[in-house]
Amino acid sequence: MLLQLIEEKREVLLCLGKTYGLSAQETVTCSQELDQLLNRLDGFMKEPNNET
């Protein structure tokens, strides 16, 4: 589920970047949301039960 959310947010970010530019507020906000999702994934992967 988290990986799907990350992929969807990446797609939205790419569209926003192409449409409004990389420094537009919409793009920056979406990028920050993607960062939060990636940080959640990173935290999940660092949990002892989830190490590979």
N, C-alpha and C. Protein backbone atom coordinates (compact mmCIF):
# COMPACT_ATOMS: atom_id res chain seq x y z
N MET A 1 0.82 -1.19 0.00
CA MET A 1 0.00 0.00 0.00
C MET A 1 0.87 1.26 0.00
N LEU A 2 1.87 1.29 0.87
CA LEU A 2 2.75 2.46 0.93
C LEU A 2 3.51 2.64 -0.38
N LEU A 3 3.98 1.55 -0.95
CA LEU A 3 4.70 1.65 -2.23
C LEU A 3 3.79 2.18 -3.33
N GLN A 4 2.55 1.79 -3.31
CA GLN A 4 1.59 2.29 -4.30
C GLN A 4 1.37 3.79 -4.12
N LEU A 5 1.24 4.23 -2.89
CA LEU A 5 1.07 5.67 -2.63
C LEU A 5 2.28 6.46 -3.11
N ILE A 6 3.47 5.90 -2.91
CA ILE A 6 4.69 6.57 -3.36
C ILE A 6 4.72 6.68 -4.88
N GLU A 7 4.39 5.61 -5.56
CA GLU A 7 4.38 5.64 -7.02
C GLU A 7 3.35 6.64 -7.56
N GLU A 8 2.17 6.66 -6.95
CA GLU A 8 1.14 7.60 -7.38
C GLU A 8 1.58 9.05 -7.14
N LYS A 9 2.21 9.30 -6.00
CA LYS A 9 2.67 10.65 -5.69
C LYS A 9 3.79 11.06 -6.65
N ARG A 10 4.64 10.13 -7.03
CA ARG A 10 5.70 10.43 -8.01
C ARG A 10 5.11 10.84 -9.34
N GLU A 11 4.08 10.13 -9.76
CA GLU A 11 3.43 10.47 -11.03
C GLU A 11 2.81 11.86 -10.98
N VAL A 12 2.15 12.16 -9.87
CA VAL A 12 1.56 13.49 -9.71
C VAL A 12 2.65 14.55 -9.71
N LEU A 13 3.74 14.28 -9.02
CA LEU A 13 4.85 15.23 -8.96
C LEU A 13 5.42 15.51 -10.35
N LEU A 14 5.60 14.46 -11.14
CA LEU A 14 6.11 14.65 -12.51
C LEU A 14 5.17 15.53 -13.33
N CYS A 15 3.88 15.26 -13.23
CA CYS A 15 2.90 16.07 -13.97
C CYS A 15 2.91 17.52 -13.53
N LEU A 16 2.97 17.73 -12.22
CA LEU A 16 3.00 19.10 -11.71
C LEU A 16 4.26 19.83 -12.16
N GLY A 17 5.39 19.13 -12.11
CA GLY A 17 6.65 19.74 -12.54
C GLY A 17 6.63 20.14 -14.00
N LYS A 18 6.05 19.29 -14.83
CA LYS A 18 5.96 19.60 -16.26
C LYS A 18 4.97 20.73 -16.53
N THR A 19 3.89 20.77 -15.75
CA THR A 19 2.84 21.75 -15.99
C THR A 19 3.18 23.12 -15.41
N TYR A 20 3.65 23.14 -14.16
CA TYR A 20 3.83 24.41 -13.45
C TYR A 20 5.28 24.80 -13.24
N GLY A 21 6.19 23.86 -13.44
CA GLY A 21 7.60 24.13 -13.17
C GLY A 21 8.00 23.59 -11.81
N LEU A 22 9.29 23.42 -11.63
CA LEU A 22 9.79 22.79 -10.42
C LEU A 22 9.73 23.69 -9.19
N SER A 23 9.66 24.97 -9.36
CA SER A 23 9.64 25.87 -8.20
C SER A 23 8.24 26.35 -7.84
N ALA A 24 7.23 25.88 -8.55
CA ALA A 24 5.85 26.28 -8.24
C ALA A 24 5.44 25.69 -6.89
N GLN A 25 4.60 26.40 -6.18
CA GLN A 25 4.18 25.96 -4.85
C GLN A 25 3.50 24.59 -4.89
N GLU A 26 2.70 24.35 -5.91
CA GLU A 26 2.02 23.05 -6.03
C GLU A 26 3.03 21.91 -6.14
N THR A 27 4.08 22.14 -6.91
CA THR A 27 5.11 21.13 -7.11
C THR A 27 5.91 20.92 -5.84
N VAL A 28 6.27 21.99 -5.18
CA VAL A 28 7.04 21.91 -3.94
C VAL A 28 6.25 21.17 -2.87
N THR A 29 4.98 21.49 -2.74
CA THR A 29 4.13 20.83 -1.75
C THR A 29 4.04 19.34 -2.03
N CYS A 30 3.84 18.98 -3.27
CA CYS A 30 3.76 17.57 -3.65
C CYS A 30 5.09 16.88 -3.37
N SER A 31 6.19 17.54 -3.65
CA SER A 31 7.50 16.98 -3.38
C SER A 31 7.70 16.72 -1.89
N GLN A 32 7.23 17.64 -1.07
CA GLN A 32 7.34 17.46 0.38
C GLN A 32 6.48 16.29 0.85
N GLU A 33 5.32 16.13 0.24
CA GLU A 33 4.46 14.99 0.58
C GLU A 33 5.13 13.67 0.18
N LEU A 34 5.77 13.66 -0.97
CA LEU A 34 6.50 12.48 -1.39
C LEU A 34 7.64 12.18 -0.43
N ASP A 35 8.35 13.21 -0.01
CA ASP A 35 9.42 13.04 0.97
C ASP A 35 8.91 12.39 2.25
N GLN A 36 7.74 12.82 2.71
CA GLN A 36 7.16 12.24 3.93
C GLN A 36 6.86 10.75 3.73
N LEU A 37 6.32 10.41 2.58
CA LEU A 37 6.03 9.00 2.30
C LEU A 37 7.32 8.18 2.24
N LEU A 38 8.34 8.73 1.61
CA LEU A 38 9.62 8.03 1.52
C LEU A 38 10.26 7.87 2.89
N ASN A 39 10.12 8.88 3.74
CA ASN A 39 10.64 8.78 5.11
C ASN A 39 9.91 7.70 5.89
N ARG A 40 8.59 7.58 5.69
CA ARG A 40 7.84 6.52 6.33
C ARG A 40 8.34 5.15 5.88
N LEU A 41 8.58 5.02 4.58
CA LEU A 41 9.10 3.76 4.05
C LEU A 41 10.47 3.46 4.64
N ASP A 42 11.31 4.46 4.72
CA ASP A 42 12.65 4.28 5.28
C ASP A 42 12.57 3.83 6.73
N GLY A 43 11.68 4.45 7.51
CA GLY A 43 11.51 4.06 8.90
C GLY A 43 11.00 2.64 9.01
N PHE A 44 10.08 2.27 8.15
CA PHE A 44 9.54 0.92 8.15
C PHE A 44 10.63 -0.10 7.84
N MET A 45 11.48 0.22 6.87
CA MET A 45 12.52 -0.70 6.45
C MET A 45 13.61 -0.86 7.52
N LYS A 46 13.75 0.14 8.39
CA LYS A 46 14.77 0.08 9.44
C LYS A 46 14.29 -0.64 10.69
N GLU A 47 13.00 -0.97 10.76
CA GLU A 47 12.49 -1.72 11.91
C GLU A 47 13.13 -3.10 11.91
N PRO A 48 13.52 -3.60 13.08
CA PRO A 48 14.23 -4.89 13.17
C PRO A 48 13.49 -6.04 12.48
N ASN A 49 12.19 -6.07 12.54
CA ASN A 49 11.42 -7.18 11.95
C ASN A 49 11.37 -7.10 10.44
N ASN A 50 11.78 -5.99 9.84
CA ASN A 50 11.64 -5.81 8.39
C ASN A 50 12.97 -5.81 7.66
N GLU A 51 14.06 -6.14 8.34
CA GLU A 51 15.35 -6.16 7.67
C GLU A 51 15.45 -7.41 6.80
N THR A 52 16.12 -7.24 5.68
CA THR A 52 16.29 -8.39 4.78
C THR A 52 17.67 -8.95 4.88
